[in-house]
């Protein structure tokens, strides 16, 4: 489960960078709950994707620095880089803590972020 879940976590960033809602949601459990600083909890795959899109976490580039997994938990540390409406590059570093289902789908995600 952990190996599959780790790959699902890594692949989720690829789908976000592409803006591929279908691909992204295929990695999420129907009962997914995503926690993002200062936001209400996003429940379900569609709401989780809409939340990431609204927060500007799609269409940029996620660079992953480290992935740690044990049991039903995967932690990913990285940086997200995107352009604002004026074309200026902005970056934010993050640590995402995922909880996995028995099938390796992403059940929960809690994001910790700071400006880089």
PDB file of N, CA and C in Angstrom:
ATOM      1  N   UNK A   1       0.825  -1.197   0.000  1.00  0.00           N
ATOM      2  CA  UNK A   1       0.000   0.000   0.000  1.00  0.00           C
ATOM      3  C   UNK A   1       0.864   1.254   0.000  1.00  0.00           C
ATOM      4  N   UNK A   2       1.909   1.289   0.819  1.00  0.00           N
ATOM      5  CA  UNK A   2       2.710   2.506   0.938  1.00  0.00           C
ATOM      6  C   UNK A   2       3.385   2.859  -0.388  1.00  0.00           C
ATOM      7  N   UNK A   3       3.905   1.849  -1.109  1.00  0.00           N
ATOM      8  CA  UNK A   3       4.563   2.121  -2.384  1.00  0.00           C
ATOM      9  C   UNK A   3       3.580   2.725  -3.375  1.00  0.00           C
ATOM     10  N   UNK A   4       2.395   2.136  -3.493  1.00  0.00           N
ATOM     11  CA  UNK A   4       1.363   2.651  -4.399  1.00  0.00           C
ATOM     12  C   UNK A   4       0.940   4.042  -3.947  1.00  0.00           C
ATOM     13  N   UNK A   5       0.713   4.219  -2.661  1.00  0.00           N
ATOM     14  CA  UNK A   5       0.302   5.517  -2.119  1.00  0.00           C
ATOM     15  C   UNK A   5       1.351   6.592  -2.346  1.00  0.00           C
ATOM     16  N   UNK A   6       2.622   6.231  -2.203  1.00  0.00           N
ATOM     17  CA  UNK A   6       3.714   7.185  -2.449  1.00  0.00           C
ATOM     18  C   UNK A   6       3.708   7.623  -3.910  1.00  0.00           C
ATOM     19  N   UNK A   7       3.532   6.668  -4.821  1.00  0.00           N
ATOM     20  CA  UNK A   7       3.460   7.007  -6.243  1.00  0.00           C
ATOM     21  C   UNK A   7       2.232   7.861  -6.543  1.00  0.00           C
ATOM     22  N   UNK A   8       1.104   7.569  -5.885  1.00  0.00           N
ATOM     23  CA  UNK A   8      -0.092   8.387  -6.081  1.00  0.00           C
ATOM     24  C   UNK A   8       0.147   9.817  -5.599  1.00  0.00           C
ATOM     25  N   UNK A   9       0.808   9.973  -4.470  1.00  0.00           N
ATOM     26  CA  UNK A   9       1.110  11.318  -3.964  1.00  0.00           C
ATOM     27  C   UNK A   9       1.992  12.066  -4.970  1.00  0.00           C
ATOM     28  N   UNK A  10       3.047  11.438  -5.445  1.00  0.00           N
ATOM     29  CA  UNK A  10       3.938  12.078  -6.422  1.00  0.00           C
ATOM     30  C   UNK A  10       3.197  12.428  -7.708  1.00  0.00           C
ATOM     31  N   UNK A  11       2.390  11.496  -8.191  1.00  0.00           N
ATOM     32  CA  UNK A  11       1.648  11.699  -9.432  1.00  0.00           C
ATOM     33  C   UNK A  11       0.615  12.814  -9.302  1.00  0.00           C
ATOM     34  N   UNK A  12       0.091  13.008  -8.097  1.00  0.00           N
ATOM     35  CA  UNK A  12      -0.916  14.064  -7.904  1.00  0.00           C
ATOM     36  C   UNK A  12      -0.351  15.438  -8.259  1.00  0.00           C
ATOM     37  N   UNK A  13       0.906  15.680  -7.962  1.00  0.00           N
ATOM     38  CA  UNK A  13       1.525  16.972  -8.304  1.00  0.00           C
ATOM     39  C   UNK A  13       1.679  17.131  -9.814  1.00  0.00           C
ATOM     40  N   UNK A  14       2.002  16.052 -10.495  1.00  0.00           N
ATOM     41  CA  UNK A  14       2.104  16.078 -11.954  1.00  0.00           C
ATOM     42  C   UNK A  14       0.754  16.475 -12.567  1.00  0.00           C
ATOM     43  N   UNK A  15      -0.315  15.852 -12.091  1.00  0.00           N
ATOM     44  CA  UNK A  15      -1.645  16.176 -12.603  1.00  0.00           C
ATOM     45  C   UNK A  15      -2.038  17.617 -12.271  1.00  0.00           C
ATOM     46  N   UNK A  16      -1.680  18.093 -11.095  1.00  0.00           N
ATOM     47  CA  UNK A  16      -1.969  19.489 -10.759  1.00  0.00           C
ATOM     48  C   UNK A  16      -1.227  20.435 -11.696  1.00  0.00           C
ATOM     49  N   UNK A  17       0.045  20.143 -11.971  1.00  0.00           N
ATOM     50  CA  UNK A  17       0.827  20.996 -12.866  1.00  0.00           C
ATOM     51  C   UNK A  17       0.196  21.062 -14.259  1.00  0.00           C
ATOM     52  N   UNK A  18      -0.364  19.941 -14.708  1.00  0.00           N
ATOM     53  CA  UNK A  18      -1.023  19.894 -16.018  1.00  0.00           C
ATOM     54  C   UNK A  18      -2.429  20.488 -15.989  1.00  0.00           C
ATOM     55  N   UNK A  19      -2.998  20.642 -14.792  1.00  0.00           N
ATOM     56  CA  UNK A  19      -4.389  21.073 -14.678  1.00  0.00           C
ATOM     57  C   UNK A  19      -5.350  19.958 -15.049  1.00  0.00           C
ATOM     58  N   UNK A  20      -4.915  18.699 -14.925  1.00  0.00           N
ATOM     59  CA  UNK A  20      -5.699  17.522 -15.313  1.00  0.00           C
ATOM     60  C   UNK A  20      -6.593  17.082 -14.156  1.00  0.00           C
ATOM     61  N   UNK A  21      -7.821  17.591 -14.141  1.00  0.00           N
ATOM     62  CA  UNK A  21      -8.764  17.293 -13.058  1.00  0.00           C
ATOM     63  C   UNK A  21      -9.081  15.805 -12.987  1.00  0.00           C
ATOM     64  N   UNK A  22      -9.333  15.189 -14.126  1.00  0.00           N
ATOM     65  CA  UNK A  22      -9.706  13.777 -14.146  1.00  0.00           C
ATOM     66  C   UNK A  22      -8.585  12.891 -13.595  1.00  0.00           C
ATOM     67  N   UNK A  23      -7.375  13.132 -14.065  1.00  0.00           N
ATOM     68  CA  UNK A  23      -6.237  12.361 -13.579  1.00  0.00           C
ATOM     69  C   UNK A  23      -6.028  12.553 -12.085  1.00  0.00           C
ATOM     70  N   UNK A  24      -6.100  13.806 -11.639  1.00  0.00           N
ATOM     71  CA  UNK A  24      -5.909  14.120 -10.225  1.00  0.00           C
ATOM     72  C   UNK A  24      -6.954  13.411  -9.366  1.00  0.00           C
ATOM     73  N   UNK A  25      -8.214  13.548  -9.755  1.00  0.00           N
ATOM     74  CA  UNK A  25      -9.293  12.974  -8.943  1.00  0.00           C
ATOM     75  C   UNK A  25      -9.261  11.453  -8.926  1.00  0.00           C
ATOM     76  N   UNK A  26      -8.641  10.822  -9.941  1.00  0.00           N
ATOM     77  CA  UNK A  26      -8.558   9.358  -9.967  1.00  0.00           C
ATOM     78  C   UNK A  26      -7.681   8.814  -8.842  1.00  0.00           C
ATOM     79  N   UNK A  27      -6.850   9.658  -8.245  1.00  0.00           N
ATOM     80  CA  UNK A  27      -5.950   9.243  -7.162  1.00  0.00           C
ATOM     81  C   UNK A  27      -6.567   9.425  -5.779  1.00  0.00           C
ATOM     82  N   UNK A  28      -7.740  10.035  -5.723  1.00  0.00           N
ATOM     83  CA  UNK A  28      -8.359  10.399  -4.453  1.00  0.00           C
ATOM     84  C   UNK A  28      -9.499   9.458  -4.090  1.00  0.00           C
ATOM     85  N   UNK A  29      -9.591   9.144  -2.815  1.00  0.00           N
ATOM     86  CA  UNK A  29     -10.705   8.360  -2.295  1.00  0.00           C
ATOM     87  C   UNK A  29     -11.986   9.198  -2.358  1.00  0.00           C
ATOM     88  N   UNK A  30     -13.146   8.588  -2.562  1.00  0.00           N
ATOM     89  CA  UNK A  30     -14.398   9.358  -2.580  1.00  0.00           C
ATOM     90  C   UNK A  30     -14.642  10.170  -1.307  1.00  0.00           C
ATOM     91  N   UNK A  31     -14.067   9.737  -0.190  1.00  0.00           N
ATOM     92  CA  UNK A  31     -14.239  10.435   1.098  1.00  0.00           C
ATOM     93  C   UNK A  31     -13.083  11.376   1.424  1.00  0.00           C
ATOM     94  N   UNK A  32     -12.301  11.729   0.421  1.00  0.00           N
ATOM     95  CA  UNK A  32     -11.142  12.612   0.601  1.00  0.00           C
ATOM     96  C   UNK A  32     -11.499  13.867   1.390  1.00  0.00           C
ATOM     97  N   UNK A  33     -10.573  14.278   2.265  1.00  0.00           N
ATOM     98  CA  UNK A  33     -10.676  15.544   2.994  1.00  0.00           C
ATOM     99  C   UNK A  33      -9.308  16.218   2.920  1.00  0.00           C
ATOM    100  N   UNK A  34      -9.280  17.411   2.323  1.00  0.00           N
ATOM    101  CA  UNK A  34      -8.029  18.152   2.178  1.00  0.00           C
ATOM    102  C   UNK A  34      -8.083  19.403   3.030  1.00  0.00           C
ATOM    103  N   UNK A  35      -7.026  19.612   3.810  1.00  0.00           N
ATOM    104  CA  UNK A  35      -6.905  20.759   4.708  1.00  0.00           C
ATOM    105  C   UNK A  35      -5.814  21.672   4.160  1.00  0.00           C
ATOM    106  N   UNK A  36      -6.153  22.929   3.967  1.00  0.00           N
ATOM    107  CA  UNK A  36      -5.197  23.912   3.462  1.00  0.00           C
ATOM    108  C   UNK A  36      -5.223  25.090   4.425  1.00  0.00           C
ATOM    109  N   UNK A  37      -4.070  25.673   4.787  1.00  0.00           N
ATOM    110  CA  UNK A  37      -4.041  26.765   5.772  1.00  0.00           C
ATOM    111  C   UNK A  37      -5.034  27.884   5.440  1.00  0.00           C
ATOM    112  N   UNK A  38      -5.846  28.256   6.425  1.00  0.00           N
ATOM    113  CA  UNK A  38      -6.766  29.375   6.276  1.00  0.00           C
ATOM    114  C   UNK A  38      -8.005  29.090   5.452  1.00  0.00           C
ATOM    115  N   UNK A  39      -8.210  27.852   5.033  1.00  0.00           N
ATOM    116  CA  UNK A  39      -9.345  27.480   4.194  1.00  0.00           C
ATOM    117  C   UNK A  39     -10.205  26.443   4.908  1.00  0.00           C
ATOM    118  N   UNK A  40     -11.458  26.370   4.481  1.00  0.00           N
ATOM    119  CA  UNK A  40     -12.312  25.302   5.021  1.00  0.00           C
ATOM    120  C   UNK A  40     -11.887  23.982   4.388  1.00  0.00           C
ATOM    121  N   UNK A  41     -12.217  22.876   5.027  1.00  0.00           N
ATOM    122  CA  UNK A  41     -11.831  21.554   4.538  1.00  0.00           C
ATOM    123  C   UNK A  41     -12.558  21.259   3.225  1.00  0.00           C
ATOM    124  N   UNK A  42     -11.811  20.827   2.220  1.00  0.00           N
ATOM    125  CA  UNK A  42     -12.386  20.403   0.941  1.00  0.00           C
ATOM    126  C   UNK A  42     -12.737  18.927   1.070  1.00  0.00           C
ATOM    127  N   UNK A  43     -13.992  18.587   0.770  1.00  0.00           N
ATOM    128  CA  UNK A  43     -14.457  17.204   0.914  1.00  0.00           C
ATOM    129  C   UNK A  43     -14.806  16.620  -0.449  1.00  0.00           C
ATOM    130  N   UNK A  44     -14.245  15.444  -0.733  1.00  0.00           N
ATOM    131  CA  UNK A  44     -14.492  14.764  -2.000  1.00  0.00           C
ATOM    132  C   UNK A  44     -13.514  15.192  -3.069  1.00  0.00           C
ATOM    133  N   UNK A  45     -13.298  14.331  -4.061  1.00  0.00           N
ATOM    134  CA  UNK A  45     -12.312  14.608  -5.115  1.00  0.00           C
ATOM    135  C   UNK A  45     -12.575  15.889  -5.905  1.00  0.00           C
ATOM    136  N   UNK A  46     -13.810  16.124  -6.312  1.00  0.00           N
ATOM    137  CA  UNK A  46     -14.099  17.315  -7.136  1.00  0.00           C
ATOM    138  C   UNK A  46     -13.842  18.594  -6.351  1.00  0.00           C
ATOM    139  N   UNK A  47     -14.282  18.634  -5.102  1.00  0.00           N
ATOM    140  CA  UNK A  47     -14.057  19.827  -4.281  1.00  0.00           C
ATOM    141  C   UNK A  47     -12.575  20.014  -3.985  1.00  0.00           C
ATOM    142  N   UNK A  48     -11.849  18.923  -3.789  1.00  0.00           N
ATOM    143  CA  UNK A  48     -10.404  19.017  -3.541  1.00  0.00           C
ATOM    144  C   UNK A  48      -9.701  19.631  -4.748  1.00  0.00           C
ATOM    145  N   UNK A  49     -10.063  19.200  -5.949  1.00  0.00           N
ATOM    146  CA  UNK A  49      -9.436  19.776  -7.147  1.00  0.00           C
ATOM    147  C   UNK A  49      -9.824  21.244  -7.310  1.00  0.00           C
ATOM    148  N   UNK A  50     -11.102  21.563  -7.145  1.00  0.00           N
ATOM    149  CA  UNK A  50     -11.536  22.966  -7.269  1.00  0.00           C
ATOM    150  C   UNK A  50     -10.809  23.851  -6.271  1.00  0.00           C
ATOM    151  N   UNK A  51     -10.618  23.348  -5.060  1.00  0.00           N
ATOM    152  CA  UNK A  51      -9.912  24.102  -4.027  1.00  0.00           C
ATOM    153  C   UNK A  51      -8.466  24.360  -4.444  1.00  0.00           C
ATOM    154  N   UNK A  52      -7.784  23.336  -4.949  1.00  0.00           N
ATOM    155  CA  UNK A  52      -6.396  23.508  -5.374  1.00  0.00           C
ATOM    156  C   UNK A  52      -6.314  24.497  -6.535  1.00  0.00           C
ATOM    157  N   UNK A  53      -7.276  24.429  -7.443  1.00  0.00           N
ATOM    158  CA  UNK A  53      -7.289  25.350  -8.578  1.00  0.00           C
ATOM    159  C   UNK A  53      -7.546  26.783  -8.108  1.00  0.00           C
ATOM    160  N   UNK A  54      -8.531  26.957  -7.235  1.00  0.00           N
ATOM    161  CA  UNK A  54      -8.869  28.285  -6.718  1.00  0.00           C
ATOM    162  C   UNK A  54      -7.696  28.893  -5.956  1.00  0.00           C
ATOM    163  N   UNK A  55      -6.936  28.067  -5.251  1.00  0.00           N
ATOM    164  CA  UNK A  55      -5.799  28.541  -4.470  1.00  0.00           C
ATOM    165  C   UNK A  55      -4.551  28.766  -5.332  1.00  0.00           C
ATOM    166  N   UNK A  56      -4.658  28.502  -6.628  1.00  0.00           N
ATOM    167  CA  UNK A  56      -3.530  28.739  -7.529  1.00  0.00           C
ATOM    168  C   UNK A  56      -2.491  27.642  -7.516  1.00  0.00           C
ATOM    169  N   UNK A  57      -2.876  26.428  -7.120  1.00  0.00           N
ATOM    170  CA  UNK A  57      -1.927  25.309  -7.030  1.00  0.00           C
ATOM    171  C   UNK A  57      -1.934  24.442  -8.283  1.00  0.00           C
ATOM    172  N   UNK A  58      -2.482  24.966  -9.383  1.00  0.00           N
ATOM    173  CA  UNK A  58      -2.469  24.237 -10.649  1.00  0.00           C
ATOM    174  C   UNK A  58      -1.787  25.113 -11.698  1.00  0.00           C
ATOM    175  N   UNK A  59      -1.320  24.477 -12.747  1.00  0.00           N
ATOM    176  CA  UNK A  59      -0.746  25.235 -13.855  1.00  0.00           C
ATOM    177  C   UNK A  59       0.629  25.808 -13.615  1.00  0.00           C
ATOM    178  N   UNK A  60       1.253  25.462 -12.511  1.00  0.00           N
ATOM    179  CA  UNK A  60       2.619  25.891 -12.242  1.00  0.00           C
ATOM    180  C   UNK A  60       3.536  24.686 -12.284  1.00  0.00           C
ATOM    181  N   UNK A  61       4.554  24.694 -11.420  1.00  0.00           N
ATOM    182  CA  UNK A  61       5.477  23.558 -11.363  1.00  0.00           C
ATOM    183  C   UNK A  61       5.777  23.217  -9.923  1.00  0.00           C
ATOM    184  N   UNK A  62       5.446  21.978  -9.557  1.00  0.00           N
ATOM    185  CA  UNK A  62       5.816  21.444  -8.248  1.00  0.00           C
ATOM    186  C   UNK A  62       7.181  20.767  -8.375  1.00  0.00           C
ATOM    187  N   UNK A  63       8.126  21.155  -7.550  1.00  0.00           N
ATOM    188  CA  UNK A  63       9.431  20.494  -7.467  1.00  0.00           C
ATOM    189  C   UNK A  63       9.452  19.781  -6.130  1.00  0.00           C
ATOM    190  N   UNK A  64       9.588  18.467  -6.160  1.00  0.00           N
ATOM    191  CA  UNK A  64       9.554  17.674  -4.932  1.00  0.00           C
ATOM    192  C   UNK A  64      10.974  17.423  -4.447  1.00  0.00           C
ATOM    193  N   UNK A  65      11.233  17.767  -3.177  1.00  0.00           N
ATOM    194  CA  UNK A  65      12.563  17.602  -2.602  1.00  0.00           C
ATOM    195  C   UNK A  65      12.723  16.294  -1.847  1.00  0.00           C
ATOM    196  N   UNK A  66      11.667  15.904  -1.132  1.00  0.00           N
ATOM    197  CA  UNK A  66      11.783  14.727  -0.278  1.00  0.00           C
ATOM    198  C   UNK A  66      10.415  14.098  -0.099  1.00  0.00           C
ATOM    199  N   UNK A  67      10.393  12.764  -0.102  1.00  0.00           N
ATOM    200  CA  UNK A  67       9.181  12.006   0.177  1.00  0.00           C
ATOM    201  C   UNK A  67       9.515  10.978   1.239  1.00  0.00           C
ATOM    202  N   UNK A  68       8.721  10.939   2.291  1.00  0.00           N
ATOM    203  CA  UNK A  68       8.906   9.995   3.382  1.00  0.00           C
ATOM    204  C   UNK A  68       7.595   9.245   3.554  1.00  0.00           C
ATOM    205  N   UNK A  69       7.668   7.927   3.655  1.00  0.00           N
ATOM    206  CA  UNK A  69       6.437   7.158   3.833  1.00  0.00           C
ATOM    207  C   UNK A  69       6.632   6.071   4.875  1.00  0.00           C
ATOM    208  N   UNK A  70       5.560   5.856   5.626  1.00  0.00           N
ATOM    209  CA  UNK A  70       5.540   4.784   6.618  1.00  0.00           C
ATOM    210  C   UNK A  70       4.084   4.445   6.906  1.00  0.00           C
ATOM    211  N   UNK A  71       3.768   3.170   6.828  1.00  0.00           N
ATOM    212  CA  UNK A  71       2.404   2.740   7.087  1.00  0.00           C
ATOM    213  C   UNK A  71       1.430   3.406   6.140  1.00  0.00           C
ATOM    214  N   UNK A  72       0.429   4.080   6.699  1.00  0.00           N
ATOM    215  CA  UNK A  72      -0.591   4.730   5.868  1.00  0.00           C
ATOM    216  C   UNK A  72      -0.335   6.226   5.695  1.00  0.00           C
ATOM    217  N   UNK A  73       0.915   6.668   5.894  1.00  0.00           N
ATOM    218  CA  UNK A  73       1.244   8.093   5.830  1.00  0.00           C
ATOM    219  C   UNK A  73       2.366   8.362   4.824  1.00  0.00           C
ATOM    220  N   UNK A  74       2.175   9.410   4.030  1.00  0.00           N
ATOM    221  CA  UNK A  74       3.210   9.877   3.100  1.00  0.00           C
ATOM    222  C   UNK A  74       3.378  11.374   3.336  1.00  0.00           C
ATOM    223  N   UNK A  75       4.624  11.813   3.463  1.00  0.00           N
ATOM    224  CA  UNK A  75       4.938  13.234   3.619  1.00  0.00           C
ATOM    225  C   UNK A  75       5.771  13.661   2.413  1.00  0.00           C
ATOM    226  N   UNK A  76       5.348  14.742   1.789  1.00  0.00           N
ATOM    227  CA  UNK A  76       6.063  15.267   0.620  1.00  0.00           C
ATOM    228  C   UNK A  76       6.467  16.706   0.927  1.00  0.00           C
ATOM    229  N   UNK A  77       7.752  17.012   0.712  1.00  0.00           N
ATOM    230  CA  UNK A  77       8.276  18.362   0.910  1.00  0.00           C
ATOM    231  C   UNK A  77       8.732  18.881  -0.451  1.00  0.00           C
ATOM    232  N   UNK A  78       8.335  20.117  -0.755  1.00  0.00           N
ATOM    233  CA  UNK A  78       8.718  20.645  -2.052  1.00  0.00           C
ATOM    234  C   UNK A  78       8.476  22.133  -2.191  1.00  0.00           C
ATOM    235  N   UNK A  79       8.521  22.580  -3.449  1.00  0.00           N
ATOM    236  CA  UNK A  79       8.319  23.991  -3.776  1.00  0.00           C
ATOM    237  C   UNK A  79       7.369  24.064  -4.968  1.00  0.00           C
ATOM    238  N   UNK A  80       6.462  25.047  -4.910  1.00  0.00           N
ATOM    239  CA  UNK A  80       5.563  25.303  -6.042  1.00  0.00           C
ATOM    240  C   UNK A  80       5.927  26.658  -6.617  1.00  0.00           C
ATOM    241  N   UNK A  81       6.140  26.690  -7.935  1.00  0.00           N
ATOM    242  CA  UNK A  81       6.492  27.918  -8.641  1.00  0.00           C
ATOM    243  C   UNK A  81       5.446  28.186  -9.711  1.00  0.00           C
ATOM    244  N   UNK A  82       4.970  29.425  -9.768  1.00  0.00           N
ATOM    245  CA  UNK A  82       3.997  29.809 -10.791  1.00  0.00           C
ATOM    246  C   UNK A  82       4.180  31.283 -11.116  1.00  0.00           C
ATOM    247  N   UNK A  83       3.509  31.716 -12.171  1.00  0.00           N
ATOM    248  CA  UNK A  83       3.528  33.125 -12.557  1.00  0.00           C
ATOM    249  C   UNK A  83       2.227  33.779 -12.120  1.00  0.00           C
ATOM    250  N   UNK A  84       2.323  35.014 -11.599  1.00  0.00           N
ATOM    251  CA  UNK A  84       1.103  35.738 -11.254  1.00  0.00           C
ATOM    252  C   UNK A  84       0.541  36.390 -12.521  1.00  0.00           C
ATOM    253  N   UNK A  85      -0.551  37.140 -12.381  1.00  0.00           N
ATOM    254  CA  UNK A  85      -1.218  37.732 -13.545  1.00  0.00           C
ATOM    255  C   UNK A  85      -0.326  38.715 -14.306  1.00  0.00           C
ATOM    256  N   UNK A  86       0.689  39.241 -13.655  1.00  0.00           N
ATOM    257  CA  UNK A  86       1.610  40.178 -14.317  1.00  0.00           C
ATOM    258  C   UNK A  86       2.833  39.478 -14.910  1.00  0.00           C
ATOM    259  N   UNK A  87       2.880  38.161 -14.760  1.00  0.00           N
ATOM    260  CA  UNK A  87       4.017  37.419 -15.297  1.00  0.00           C
ATOM    261  C   UNK A  87       5.189  37.321 -14.345  1.00  0.00           C
ATOM    262  N   UNK A  88       5.021  37.805 -13.116  1.00  0.00           N
ATOM    263  CA  UNK A  88       6.078  37.699 -12.109  1.00  0.00           C
ATOM    264  C   UNK A  88       6.043  36.307 -11.489  1.00  0.00           C
ATOM    265  N   UNK A  89       7.215  35.733 -11.316  1.00  0.00           N
ATOM    266  CA  UNK A  89       7.296  34.403 -10.736  1.00  0.00           C
ATOM    267  C   UNK A  89       7.142  34.473  -9.217  1.00  0.00           C
ATOM    268  N   UNK A  90       6.325  33.567  -8.680  1.00  0.00           N
ATOM    269  CA  UNK A  90       6.184  33.473  -7.233  1.00  0.00           C
ATOM    270  C   UNK A  90       6.400  32.028  -6.820  1.00  0.00           C
ATOM    271  N   UNK A  91       6.934  31.866  -5.617  1.00  0.00           N
ATOM    272  CA  UNK A  91       7.208  30.523  -5.121  1.00  0.00           C
ATOM    273  C   UNK A  91       6.673  30.378  -3.704  1.00  0.00           C
ATOM    274  N   UNK A  92       6.320  29.158  -3.375  1.00  0.00           N
ATOM    275  CA  UNK A  92       5.912  28.808  -2.011  1.00  0.00           C
ATOM    276  C   UNK A  92       6.457  27.407  -1.736  1.00  0.00           C
ATOM    277  N   UNK A  93       7.024  27.235  -0.573  1.00  0.00           N
ATOM    278  CA  UNK A  93       7.483  25.914  -0.173  1.00  0.00           C
ATOM    279  C   UNK A  93       6.393  25.277   0.668  1.00  0.00           C
ATOM    280  N   UNK A  94       6.349  23.947   0.650  1.00  0.00           N
ATOM    281  CA  UNK A  94       5.265  23.243   1.334  1.00  0.00           C
ATOM    282  C   UNK A  94       5.731  21.898   1.870  1.00  0.00           C
ATOM    283  N   UNK A  95       4.974  21.417   2.834  1.00  0.00           N
ATOM    284  CA  UNK A  95       5.056  20.030   3.301  1.00  0.00           C
ATOM    285  C   UNK A  95       3.614  19.540   3.344  1.00  0.00           C
ATOM    286  N   UNK A  96       3.335  18.499   2.596  1.00  0.00           N
ATOM    287  CA  UNK A  96       2.008  17.897   2.573  1.00  0.00           C
ATOM    288  C   UNK A  96       2.066  16.563   3.288  1.00  0.00           C
ATOM    289  N   UNK A  97       1.123  16.346   4.195  1.00  0.00           N
ATOM    290  CA  UNK A  97       1.015  15.085   4.920  1.00  0.00           C
ATOM    291  C   UNK A  97      -0.243  14.386   4.430  1.00  0.00           C
ATOM    292  N   UNK A  98      -0.056  13.248   3.775  1.00  0.00           N
ATOM    293  CA  UNK A  98      -1.155  12.458   3.239  1.00  0.00           C
ATOM    294  C   UNK A  98      -1.433  11.256   4.125  1.00  0.00           C
ATOM    295  N   UNK A  99      -2.697  10.891   4.232  1.00  0.00           N
ATOM    296  CA  UNK A  99      -3.111   9.613   4.806  1.00  0.00           C
ATOM    297  C   UNK A  99      -3.684   8.801   3.660  1.00  0.00           C
ATOM    298  N   UNK A 100      -3.360   7.507   3.628  1.00  0.00           N
ATOM    299  CA  UNK A 100      -3.758   6.635   2.532  1.00  0.00           C
ATOM    300  C   UNK A 100      -4.865   5.671   2.948  1.00  0.00           C
ATOM    301  N   UNK A 101      -5.637   5.226   1.956  1.00  0.00           N
ATOM    302  CA  UNK A 101      -6.592   4.143   2.188  1.00  0.00           C
ATOM    303  C   UNK A 101      -5.855   2.817   2.049  1.00  0.00           C
ATOM    304  N   UNK A 102      -6.546   1.722   2.302  1.00  0.00           N
ATOM    305  CA  UNK A 102      -5.953   0.391   2.139  1.00  0.00           C
ATOM    306  C   UNK A 102      -5.569   0.113   0.683  1.00  0.00           C
ATOM    307  N   UNK A 103      -6.196   0.815  -0.260  1.00  0.00           N
ATOM    308  CA  UNK A 103      -5.894   0.636  -1.687  1.00  0.00           C
ATOM    309  C   UNK A 103      -4.817   1.609  -2.180  1.00  0.00           C
ATOM    310  N   UNK A 104      -4.305   2.453  -1.290  1.00  0.00           N
ATOM    311  CA  UNK A 104      -3.264   3.403  -1.663  1.00  0.00           C
ATOM    312  C   UNK A 104      -3.791   4.708  -2.232  1.00  0.00           C
ATOM    313  N   UNK A 105      -5.122   4.919  -2.161  1.00  0.00           N
ATOM    314  CA  UNK A 105      -5.681   6.197  -2.607  1.00  0.00           C
ATOM    315  C   UNK A 105      -5.421   7.260  -1.545  1.00  0.00           C
ATOM    316  N   UNK A 106      -5.431   8.522  -1.956  1.00  0.00           N
ATOM    317  CA  UNK A 106      -5.194   9.627  -1.030  1.00  0.00           C
ATOM    318  C   UNK A 106      -6.498   9.945  -0.298  1.00  0.00           C
ATOM    319  N   UNK A 107      -6.495   9.747   1.013  1.00  0.00           N
ATOM    320  CA  UNK A 107      -7.692   9.958   1.832  1.00  0.00           C
ATOM    321  C   UNK A 107      -7.713  11.358   2.434  1.00  0.00           C
ATOM    322  N   UNK A 108      -6.599  11.772   3.030  1.00  0.00           N
ATOM    323  CA  UNK A 108      -6.508  13.121   3.580  1.00  0.00           C
ATOM    324  C   UNK A 108      -5.192  13.749   3.151  1.00  0.00           C
ATOM    325  N   UNK A 109      -5.205  15.090   3.126  1.00  0.00           N
ATOM    326  CA  UNK A 109      -3.979  15.845   2.898  1.00  0.00           C
ATOM    327  C   UNK A 109      -4.051  17.089   3.756  1.00  0.00           C
ATOM    328  N   UNK A 110      -2.998  17.320   4.507  1.00  0.00           N
ATOM    329  CA  UNK A 110      -2.876  18.550   5.292  1.00  0.00           C
ATOM    330  C   UNK A 110      -1.631  19.263   4.806  1.00  0.00           C
ATOM    331  N   UNK A 111      -1.807  20.516   4.373  1.00  0.00           N
ATOM    332  CA  UNK A 111      -0.689  21.291   3.826  1.00  0.00           C
ATOM    333  C   UNK A 111      -0.145  22.262   4.867  1.00  0.00           C
ATOM    334  N   UNK A 112       1.174  22.325   4.931  1.00  0.00           N
ATOM    335  CA  UNK A 112       1.899  23.326   5.708  1.00  0.00           C
ATOM    336  C   UNK A 112       2.727  24.078   4.673  1.00  0.00           C
ATOM    337  N   UNK A 113       2.603  25.407   4.625  1.00  0.00           N
ATOM    338  CA  UNK A 113       3.330  26.133   3.582  1.00  0.00           C
ATOM    339  C   UNK A 113       3.900  27.438   4.131  1.00  0.00           C
ATOM    340  N   UNK A 114       4.879  27.953   3.404  1.00  0.00           N
ATOM    341  CA  UNK A 114       5.518  29.222   3.724  1.00  0.00           C
ATOM    342  C   UNK A 114       6.063  29.791   2.425  1.00  0.00           C
ATOM    343  N   UNK A 115       6.214  31.076   2.367  1.00  0.00           N
ATOM    344  CA  UNK A 115       6.723  31.731   1.165  1.00  0.00           C
ATOM    345  C   UNK A 115       8.225  31.511   1.059  1.00  0.00           C
ATOM    346  N   UNK A 116       8.672  31.166  -0.149  1.00  0.00           N
ATOM    347  CA  UNK A 116      10.090  30.882  -0.374  1.00  0.00           C
ATOM    348  C   UNK A 116      10.814  32.069  -0.934  1.00  0.00           C
TER     349      UNK A 116
END
